[in-house]
Amino acid sequence: MRKDKTTENYSAHINKEEKEQLKGRITHSIFRYQRFKRRVRYGFGAAASVLLIASSGFYLYNSVYNPTSIESYVKTTSSKVDAGSSTEVTLILDNETNINVDQDNTNIKYSNTGSKVQIGSLKEVDQVTEKNNEIVYNTLIVPYGRRSQIELSDGSKVWLNSGSKLVYPVIFKGKKREVYLEGEGIFEVAHNKKQPFIVKAENHEIEVLGTVFNVSNYLDDGNISTTLKSGSVEIHYVEDSFFGQKQALKIAPGTQSVYAKNAKRISARMVDVENYFSWRRGVFIFKSDDLKHIMKRLSRYYNVDIVINNVELENQTFSGYLDLKEDVEHVVKIIKETTDFEYTNQNENQIIIN
């Protein structure tokens, strides 16, 4: 190999000290360059990691919180359950037409096409099932003091307790049958393996194929409870974690799941399911339930404000059957026979317990 002449001549003219200085400058330059490359790599790695975390968070957030069309509809409509706004069961067609069901027979039934609605025993109305190529939703509002039964277009039946709202499509299309519940309802779902039935609430949904179960989701309660009588259900819920991921829990007949809304935690226990279905036939069944809970249920059922002015009394427990065909004062008298308290009627819509 031929030595470069220019380099050879330059090397001959520099002394040993100059060579050491030159070597030091070259070494320092190489070190600075390598350090720069490490910084660049680290910078890009950190940026990529942040981007990955942000992207993962964005994906998880959207996978959990991306609402379905029925949830979007619920959030954008103004129809809410208000015990004081009406004393009649109200059917709202496509968020436009309100129909008051002011008779004793509050049963509502849809045709299998969803285009015809039988209201009570005296009225039938026609409606469109789609508008601008989008599904039409109806809303059934049951005020405090009333109950109602509805048969949806797929044949599923729902019994709604007082102070409840059910939002549903007039005809079920797509891969799922989705409804949205506030309040309390008993569901008897028509079996369709290819189209699961889903009851939705905020951060919570119950998926079934064909079964009988009760869901209680009142806005002023801290829990959502699902009580299974027959069949099987899978509850999907948002857990209390950094990303709020969805989890699932399957329950068997005779089991009740309780989802804490604020803590975003769920638990399950075995219960006597009849206690949660008896209101459908006009009976409350209690087993070691505290008086505060009992009076809250009676207040909703009769649309009467019941106030307990004693904390110790609120926590006293009661077991037994209450016939709800009687008026509220008669029912309170029955409880009074087993529990030491006095009550007064402030007016027609309020009872004070001392």
Protein backbone atom coordinates (compact mmCIF):
# COMPACT_ATOMS: atom_id res chain seq x y z
CA MET A 1 0.00 0.00 0.00
CA ARG A 2 1.34 3.43 -0.89
CA LYS A 3 1.74 5.92 1.92
CA ASP A 4 0.16 9.31 1.33
CA LYS A 5 2.92 11.76 0.64
CA THR A 6 1.25 14.81 2.20
CA THR A 7 0.61 12.97 5.44
CA GLU A 8 4.15 11.67 5.54
CA ASN A 9 5.64 15.15 5.08
CA TYR A 10 3.34 16.68 7.77
CA SER A 11 4.24 13.95 10.26
CA ALA A 12 7.91 14.59 9.73
CA HIS A 13 7.59 18.23 10.69
CA ILE A 14 5.66 17.93 14.04
CA ASN A 15 7.37 17.07 17.29
CA LYS A 16 6.30 14.52 19.91
CA GLU A 17 4.43 17.06 22.09
CA GLU A 18 2.39 18.33 19.13
CA LYS A 19 1.51 14.72 18.24
CA GLU A 20 0.16 14.14 21.76
CA GLN A 21 -1.95 17.34 21.60
CA LEU A 22 -3.33 16.36 18.22
CA LYS A 23 -4.15 12.89 19.50
CA GLY A 24 -5.98 14.42 22.47
CA ARG A 25 -8.08 16.73 20.27
CA ILE A 26 -9.02 13.82 17.97
CA THR A 27 -9.95 11.61 20.94
CA HIS A 28 -12.04 14.42 22.50
CA SER A 29 -13.83 15.01 19.19
CA ILE A 30 -14.66 11.31 18.88
CA PHE A 31 -16.00 11.28 22.46
CA ARG A 32 -18.21 14.33 21.83
CA TYR A 33 -19.56 12.75 18.65
CA GLN A 34 -20.39 9.46 20.39
CA ARG A 35 -22.09 11.34 23.25
CA PHE A 36 -24.12 13.32 20.71
CA LYS A 37 -25.27 10.11 19.02
CA ARG A 38 -26.33 8.63 22.37
CA ARG A 39 -28.34 11.77 23.15
CA VAL A 40 -30.03 11.60 19.79
CA ARG A 41 -30.87 7.94 20.24
CA TYR A 42 -32.12 8.53 23.79
CA GLY A 43 -34.14 11.52 22.66
CA PHE A 44 -35.79 9.58 19.90
CA GLY A 45 -36.33 6.60 22.23
CA ALA A 46 -37.91 8.75 24.94
CA ALA A 47 -40.07 10.53 22.41
CA ALA A 48 -41.13 7.19 20.95
CA SER A 49 -41.90 5.88 24.45
CA VAL A 50 -43.99 8.94 25.28
CA LEU A 51 -45.74 8.61 21.95
CA LEU A 52 -46.36 4.91 22.59
CA ILE A 53 -47.77 5.57 26.06
CA ALA A 54 -49.92 8.42 24.77
CA SER A 55 -51.10 6.31 21.85
CA SER A 56 -51.88 3.38 24.16
CA GLY A 57 -53.77 5.67 26.51
CA PHE A 58 -55.67 7.14 23.60
CA TYR A 59 -56.50 3.67 22.30
CA LEU A 60 -57.59 2.38 25.70
CA TYR A 61 -59.60 5.52 26.40
CA ASN A 62 -61.43 5.25 23.12
CA SER A 63 -61.89 1.50 23.35
CA VAL A 64 -63.55 1.96 26.75
CA TYR A 65 -65.30 5.30 26.48
CA ASN A 66 -66.20 5.45 22.80
CA PRO A 67 -69.99 5.50 23.17
CA THR A 68 -72.39 3.50 21.05
CA SER A 69 -75.12 5.23 19.11
CA ILE A 70 -77.69 4.59 21.85
CA GLU A 71 -75.42 6.12 24.50
CA SER A 72 -74.82 9.14 22.28
CA TYR A 73 -78.58 9.46 21.83
CA VAL A 74 -79.17 9.33 25.59
CA LYS A 75 -76.56 12.04 26.22
CA THR A 76 -77.90 14.38 23.54
CA THR A 77 -81.60 14.08 24.41
CA SER A 78 -83.22 16.03 27.22
CA SER A 79 -85.85 13.53 28.35
CA LYS A 80 -85.11 12.67 31.99
CA VAL A 81 -86.95 10.92 34.78
CA ASP A 82 -88.45 13.54 37.06
CA ALA A 83 -90.84 12.39 39.77
CA GLY A 84 -92.42 15.83 39.99
CA SER A 85 -92.79 16.61 36.30
CA SER A 86 -95.64 14.20 35.56
CA THR A 87 -97.91 11.73 37.25
CA GLU A 88 -98.49 9.70 34.10
CA VAL A 89 -96.44 7.16 32.19
CA THR A 90 -95.06 8.90 29.10
CA LEU A 91 -93.96 7.40 25.78
CA ILE A 92 -91.70 9.66 23.71
CA LEU A 93 -91.52 8.84 20.00
CA ASP A 94 -88.20 9.82 18.39
CA ASN A 95 -87.70 12.55 21.01
CA GLU A 96 -90.50 14.58 19.39
CA THR A 97 -93.99 13.28 20.18
CA ASN A 98 -95.04 12.74 23.82
CA ILE A 99 -97.90 10.36 24.50
CA ASN A 100 -99.28 10.25 28.06
CA VAL A 101 -100.62 6.89 29.15
CA ASP A 102 -103.22 8.09 31.63
CA GLN A 103 -105.12 4.85 32.11
CA ASP A 104 -104.70 1.96 34.54
CA ASN A 105 -103.45 -0.30 31.75
CA THR A 106 -99.99 1.07 30.98
CA ASN A 107 -98.84 -1.90 28.91
CA ILE A 108 -97.10 -1.03 25.65
CA LYS A 109 -96.47 -3.46 22.81
CA TYR A 110 -94.55 -3.07 19.55
CA SER A 111 -95.20 -4.98 16.34
CA ASN A 112 -92.31 -7.13 15.09
CA THR A 113 -91.56 -4.46 12.48
CA GLY A 114 -91.58 -1.69 15.10
CA SER A 115 -93.89 0.46 12.97
CA LYS A 116 -97.00 -0.04 15.12
CA VAL A 117 -97.28 0.59 18.86
CA GLN A 118 -100.20 -0.60 20.98
CA ILE A 119 -100.56 1.75 23.99
CA GLY A 120 -102.77 0.46 26.75
CA SER A 121 -105.99 -1.08 25.50
CA LEU A 122 -107.40 1.94 23.65
CA LYS A 123 -104.72 3.41 21.38
CA GLU A 124 -102.49 2.32 18.53
CA VAL A 125 -100.03 4.60 16.76
CA ASP A 126 -97.88 4.30 13.65
CA GLN A 127 -94.29 5.48 13.41
CA VAL A 128 -91.29 5.29 11.10
CA THR A 129 -88.49 2.91 12.05
CA GLU A 130 -85.68 4.85 10.35
CA LYS A 131 -84.99 8.50 9.70
CA ASN A 132 -82.21 9.71 7.38
CA ASN A 133 -80.92 6.12 7.29
CA GLU A 134 -80.51 6.12 11.08
CA ILE A 135 -82.32 4.03 13.69
CA VAL A 136 -85.23 5.71 15.49
CA TYR A 137 -85.19 5.51 19.30
CA ASN A 138 -88.16 5.70 21.65
CA THR A 139 -88.14 6.53 25.36
CA LEU A 140 -90.50 5.23 28.02
CA ILE A 141 -90.64 7.27 31.23
CA VAL A 142 -92.33 5.85 34.31
CA PRO A 143 -92.73 8.48 37.08
CA TYR A 144 -92.60 7.76 40.78
CA GLY A 145 -95.79 6.10 41.92
CA ARG A 146 -96.41 4.25 38.62
CA ARG A 147 -95.29 1.05 36.90
CA SER A 148 -95.38 -0.11 33.29
CA GLN A 149 -94.75 -3.12 31.08
CA ILE A 150 -93.39 -3.01 27.54
CA GLU A 151 -92.92 -5.66 24.87
CA LEU A 152 -90.20 -4.68 22.40
CA SER A 153 -90.20 -5.47 18.69
CA ASP A 154 -88.04 -8.58 19.21
CA GLY A 155 -90.54 -10.02 21.70
CA SER A 156 -88.49 -9.22 24.81
CA LYS A 157 -90.54 -8.00 27.78
CA VAL A 158 -89.54 -5.38 30.35
CA TRP A 159 -91.34 -4.48 33.58
CA LEU A 160 -90.33 -0.97 34.67
CA ASN A 161 -90.57 0.08 38.31
CA SER A 162 -91.43 3.61 39.45
CA GLY A 163 -88.97 6.41 38.67
CA SER A 164 -87.46 4.62 35.65
CA LYS A 165 -86.53 5.40 32.06
CA LEU A 166 -85.90 2.98 29.21
CA VAL A 167 -84.41 4.06 25.88
CA TYR A 168 -84.56 1.55 23.01
CA PRO A 169 -84.65 1.33 19.18
CA VAL A 170 -88.05 0.70 17.65
CA ILE A 171 -86.47 -2.10 15.60
CA PHE A 172 -83.26 -3.97 16.38
CA LYS A 173 -80.67 -4.06 13.59
CA GLY A 174 -77.02 -4.99 13.49
CA LYS A 175 -75.14 -7.47 15.64
CA LYS A 176 -76.55 -6.41 19.03
CA ARG A 177 -79.86 -5.49 20.67
CA GLU A 178 -79.05 -2.54 22.93
CA VAL A 179 -81.28 -0.68 25.39
CA TYR A 180 -80.41 1.93 28.04
CA LEU A 181 -81.88 1.86 31.55
CA GLU A 182 -82.15 4.35 34.40
CA GLY A 183 -84.13 3.16 37.39
CA GLU A 184 -85.24 -0.46 37.85
CA GLY A 185 -86.47 -3.05 35.40
CA ILE A 186 -87.12 -6.77 35.15
CA PHE A 187 -86.11 -8.20 31.78
CA GLU A 188 -87.45 -11.33 30.12
CA VAL A 189 -85.30 -11.52 27.01
CA ALA A 190 -86.33 -13.28 23.81
CA HIS A 191 -83.61 -15.76 22.84
CA ASN A 192 -81.51 -14.89 19.80
CA LYS A 193 -78.02 -16.38 19.84
CA LYS A 194 -76.92 -14.38 16.80
CA GLN A 195 -78.01 -11.04 18.30
CA PRO A 196 -77.10 -10.68 22.01
CA PHE A 197 -79.28 -8.44 24.18
CA ILE A 198 -77.41 -5.73 26.10
CA VAL A 199 -78.69 -3.47 28.88
CA LYS A 200 -76.46 -0.39 29.09
CA ALA A 201 -75.78 2.16 31.82
CA GLU A 202 -72.90 4.55 32.39
CA ASN A 203 -69.61 2.55 32.52
CA HIS A 204 -71.68 -0.64 32.81
CA GLU A 205 -73.48 -3.12 30.57
CA ILE A 206 -75.17 -6.50 30.95
CA GLU A 207 -74.98 -8.89 28.00
CA VAL A 208 -77.40 -11.82 27.69
CA LEU A 209 -78.62 -14.31 25.10
CA GLY A 210 -81.93 -15.29 26.68
CA THR A 211 -82.71 -14.99 30.35
CA VAL A 212 -84.69 -13.35 33.18
CA PHE A 213 -82.95 -10.79 35.39
CA ASN A 214 -83.45 -7.58 37.36
CA VAL A 215 -81.38 -4.42 36.96
CA SER A 216 -81.51 -1.52 39.44
CA ASN A 217 -79.74 1.68 38.36
CA TYR A 218 -81.34 4.70 40.02
CA LEU A 219 -79.43 7.94 39.55
CA ASP A 220 -79.47 8.71 43.29
CA ASP A 221 -78.13 5.26 44.24
CA GLY A 222 -74.40 4.61 44.51
CA ASN A 223 -74.63 1.10 43.02
CA ILE A 224 -75.89 -0.73 39.96
CA SER A 225 -77.19 -4.18 40.89
CA THR A 226 -77.97 -7.08 38.56
CA THR A 227 -79.91 -10.04 39.97
CA LEU A 228 -80.13 -13.17 37.81
CA LYS A 229 -83.15 -15.44 38.04
CA SER A 230 -82.49 -17.80 35.10
CA GLY A 231 -80.04 -18.20 32.24
CA SER A 232 -76.68 -16.47 32.29
CA VAL A 233 -75.39 -12.94 31.90
CA GLU A 234 -72.00 -11.32 31.54
CA ILE A 235 -71.49 -7.90 33.09
CA HIS A 236 -68.99 -5.57 31.43
CA TYR A 237 -67.82 -2.66 33.55
CA VAL A 238 -65.13 0.01 33.71
CA GLU A 239 -62.73 -0.71 36.56
CA ASP A 240 -60.92 1.74 38.82
CA SER A 241 -57.50 1.87 37.15
CA PHE A 242 -55.24 4.39 35.43
CA PHE A 243 -56.70 3.70 32.00
CA GLY A 244 -60.16 2.60 33.23
CA GLN A 245 -60.08 -0.65 31.28
CA LYS A 246 -63.18 -2.76 30.75
CA GLN A 247 -63.52 -5.98 32.73
CA ALA A 248 -66.11 -8.75 32.61
CA LEU A 249 -67.89 -10.87 35.22
CA LYS A 250 -70.21 -13.81 34.57
CA ILE A 251 -72.86 -14.63 37.15
CA ALA A 252 -75.07 -17.68 37.59
CA PRO A 253 -78.76 -17.90 38.59
CA GLY A 254 -79.35 -16.91 42.21
CA THR A 255 -76.46 -14.43 42.10
CA GLN A 256 -76.47 -10.64 42.38
CA SER A 257 -73.64 -8.42 41.19
CA VAL A 258 -73.20 -4.97 42.74
CA TYR A 259 -71.15 -2.34 40.88
CA ALA A 260 -70.03 0.68 42.91
CA LYS A 261 -70.33 3.67 40.59
CA ASN A 262 -67.78 5.93 42.28
CA ALA A 263 -65.22 3.29 43.25
CA LYS A 264 -65.72 1.45 39.93
CA ARG A 265 -65.54 -1.92 41.67
CA ILE A 266 -67.80 -4.94 41.45
CA SER A 267 -68.74 -7.75 43.83
CA ALA A 268 -71.09 -10.73 43.67
CA ARG A 269 -73.15 -12.62 46.23
CA MET A 270 -75.86 -15.28 46.45
CA VAL A 271 -79.33 -13.86 47.17
CA ASP A 272 -82.98 -14.88 47.35
CA VAL A 273 -83.90 -13.64 43.88
CA GLU A 274 -87.62 -13.48 44.60
CA ASN A 275 -86.99 -10.46 46.85
CA TYR A 276 -85.97 -8.50 43.74
CA PHE A 277 -88.79 -9.65 41.47
CA SER A 278 -91.81 -9.52 43.82
CA TRP A 279 -92.65 -5.85 43.10
CA ARG A 280 -93.82 -6.99 39.66
CA ARG A 281 -96.79 -8.63 41.37
CA GLY A 282 -97.34 -5.83 43.90
CA VAL A 283 -95.36 -7.17 46.85
CA PHE A 284 -92.17 -6.06 48.59
CA ILE A 285 -90.18 -8.78 50.37
CA PHE A 286 -87.57 -7.68 52.89
CA LYS A 287 -85.06 -9.75 54.85
CA SER A 288 -83.06 -7.87 57.49
CA ASP A 289 -83.17 -4.67 55.43
CA ASP A 290 -82.70 -1.37 57.23
CA LEU A 291 -85.61 1.02 57.57
CA LYS A 292 -83.90 3.72 55.47
CA HIS A 293 -83.69 1.35 52.50
CA ILE A 294 -87.29 0.20 52.94
CA MET A 295 -88.70 3.72 53.15
CA LYS A 296 -86.69 4.77 50.10
CA ARG A 297 -88.28 2.00 48.07
CA LEU A 298 -91.76 2.82 49.37
CA SER A 299 -91.17 6.50 48.61
CA ARG A 300 -90.43 5.69 44.97
CA TYR A 301 -93.25 3.19 44.66
CA TYR A 302 -95.96 5.49 46.02
CA ASN A 303 -94.40 8.84 44.99
CA VAL A 304 -94.51 10.05 48.59
CA ASP A 305 -91.68 11.78 50.43
CA ILE A 306 -90.89 9.76 53.56
CA VAL A 307 -88.49 11.41 56.05
CA ILE A 308 -86.91 9.59 59.01
CA ASN A 309 -85.74 12.00 61.70
CA ASN A 310 -83.60 9.56 63.66
CA VAL A 311 -80.31 7.93 62.60
CA GLU A 312 -80.67 4.95 64.93
CA LEU A 313 -84.15 4.31 63.60
CA GLU A 314 -82.86 4.42 60.01
CA ASN A 315 -80.53 1.52 60.77
CA GLN A 316 -83.11 -0.73 62.42
CA THR A 317 -83.82 -3.82 60.30
CA PHE A 318 -87.09 -5.30 59.16
CA SER A 319 -88.13 -8.62 57.60
CA GLY A 320 -91.46 -9.50 56.06
CA TYR A 321 -93.93 -9.06 53.21
CA LEU A 322 -95.63 -5.79 52.31
CA ASP A 323 -98.76 -5.83 50.16
CA LEU A 324 -98.39 -2.81 47.88
CA LYS A 325 -102.02 -2.94 46.78
CA GLU A 326 -102.79 -1.09 50.03
CA ASP A 327 -102.15 2.66 50.35
CA VAL A 328 -98.83 3.93 51.70
CA GLU A 329 -100.15 4.83 55.16
CA HIS A 330 -101.51 1.32 55.65
CA VAL A 331 -98.11 -0.12 54.70
CA VAL A 332 -96.30 2.23 57.12
CA LYS A 333 -98.68 1.14 59.91
CA ILE A 334 -97.74 -2.51 59.29
CA ILE A 335 -94.04 -1.68 59.67
CA LYS A 336 -94.84 0.35 62.82
CA GLU A 337 -96.29 -2.77 64.47
CA THR A 338 -92.83 -4.36 64.50
CA THR A 339 -90.68 -1.26 64.98
CA ASP A 340 -91.00 1.40 67.65
CA PHE A 341 -91.66 4.74 65.95
CA GLU A 342 -94.34 7.40 65.46
CA TYR A 343 -95.25 9.15 62.24
CA THR A 344 -97.27 12.15 61.09
CA ASN A 345 -98.73 13.14 57.75
CA GLN A 346 -97.37 16.59 56.93
CA ASN A 347 -99.47 16.72 53.76
CA GLU A 348 -100.73 14.35 51.09
CA ASN A 349 -97.22 13.75 49.76
CA GLN A 350 -95.05 13.63 52.87
CA ILE A 351 -94.76 11.39 55.92
CA ILE A 352 -92.49 12.27 58.85
CA ILE A 353 -91.19 9.39 61.01
CA ASN A 354 -89.84 10.13 64.50
